[in-house]
Amino acid sequence: MKEKDRGAAAVFETDGQFFYVFAMARNAIIVAPLIASYSVFSVLLSRIFLKEKLVCRQYFIVAGVMTGIAMLALSEVI
C-alpha cells in the first residue's frame, strides 16, 4: 500500500510540474504571483485543517508575504 501511495504522489507531482511549465509559458504575469502564494496558502491551510499553532511573528510574516505578492501582481497589471 505504501508503494502505491508513493507512485500516485509521483504521478501528481509530475502532472503538477507539467502544468506549472505550461502555465508559465502561456501567461507568466498572471501565473507567477499565484505560484508564489502556494507556500503561504500551505501555511494557512495547515493552520486551519491540521490545527498547527502559529506564533504572532509567523502571522506577520504571512501577511508581509501576501502583501508582497499583491504588490507584485498589481505592478504587472498597471
Protein backbone atom coordinates (compact mmCIF):
# COMPACT_ATOMS: atom_id res chain seq x y z
CA MET A 1 0.00 0.00 0.00
CA LYS A 2 2.83 2.39 0.83
CA GLU A 3 4.44 1.99 -2.61
CA LYS A 4 1.08 2.59 -4.26
CA ASP A 5 0.78 5.91 -2.42
CA ARG A 6 4.29 6.92 -3.46
CA GLY A 7 3.53 6.07 -7.08
CA ALA A 8 0.37 8.20 -7.01
CA ALA A 9 2.31 11.05 -5.39
CA ALA A 10 4.97 10.85 -8.12
CA VAL A 11 2.32 10.97 -10.85
CA PHE A 12 0.64 14.01 -9.27
CA GLU A 13 4.00 15.75 -8.84
CA THR A 14 4.86 15.15 -12.49
CA ASP A 15 1.45 16.43 -13.59
CA GLY A 16 1.92 19.49 -11.42
CA GLN A 17 5.29 20.26 -12.98
CA PHE A 18 3.82 19.89 -16.46
CA PHE A 19 1.01 22.35 -15.74
CA TYR A 20 3.44 24.72 -13.99
CA VAL A 21 5.67 24.93 -17.07
CA PHE A 22 2.66 25.19 -19.40
CA ALA A 23 1.13 28.00 -17.31
CA MET A 24 4.41 29.93 -17.11
CA ALA A 25 4.83 29.67 -20.88
CA ARG A 26 1.29 30.90 -21.56
CA ASN A 27 0.89 33.84 -19.16
CA ALA A 28 3.73 34.33 -16.70
CA ILE A 29 2.48 37.73 -15.50
CA ILE A 30 -0.66 36.19 -14.01
CA VAL A 31 0.76 32.82 -13.00
CA ALA A 32 3.90 33.94 -11.16
CA PRO A 33 2.08 35.59 -8.20
CA LEU A 34 -0.27 32.62 -7.94
CA ILE A 35 2.63 30.18 -7.79
CA ALA A 36 4.43 32.41 -5.29
CA SER A 37 1.41 32.31 -2.99
CA TYR A 38 1.44 28.50 -2.83
CA SER A 39 3.62 28.36 0.29
CA VAL A 40 1.54 30.97 2.09
CA PHE A 41 -1.66 29.06 1.43
CA SER A 42 0.03 25.87 2.61
CA VAL A 43 0.83 27.52 5.94
CA LEU A 44 -2.68 28.90 6.32
CA LEU A 45 -4.37 25.64 5.36
CA SER A 46 -2.16 23.70 7.77
CA ARG A 47 -3.31 26.08 10.48
CA ILE A 48 -6.95 25.52 9.60
CA PHE A 49 -7.04 21.79 8.90
CA LEU A 50 -4.10 20.40 10.88
CA LYS A 51 -4.57 22.76 13.83
CA GLU A 52 -0.93 23.79 13.80
CA LYS A 53 -0.12 26.58 16.20
CA LEU A 54 1.45 29.74 14.80
CA VAL A 55 3.03 32.50 16.85
CA CYS A 56 2.27 36.17 16.26
CA ARG A 57 5.55 36.67 14.38
CA GLN A 58 4.59 33.98 11.86
CA TYR A 59 1.28 35.70 11.16
CA PHE A 60 3.17 38.94 10.46
CA ILE A 61 5.48 37.10 8.05
CA VAL A 62 2.49 35.57 6.24
CA ALA A 63 0.84 39.00 5.99
CA GLY A 64 4.08 40.52 4.67
CA VAL A 65 4.49 37.84 2.03
CA MET A 66 0.87 38.21 0.93
CA THR A 67 1.34 41.99 0.70
CA GLY A 68 4.45 41.50 -1.43
CA ILE A 69 2.66 39.08 -3.74
CA ALA A 70 -0.24 41.51 -4.11
CA MET A 71 2.18 44.35 -4.91
CA LEU A 72 3.91 42.17 -7.48
CA ALA A 73 0.63 41.28 -9.10
CA LEU A 74 -0.56 44.89 -9.16
CA SER A 75 2.72 46.20 -10.56
CA GLU A 76 2.40 43.85 -13.53
CA VAL A 77 -1.16 44.95 -14.25
CA ILE A 78 -0.56 48.70 -14.07
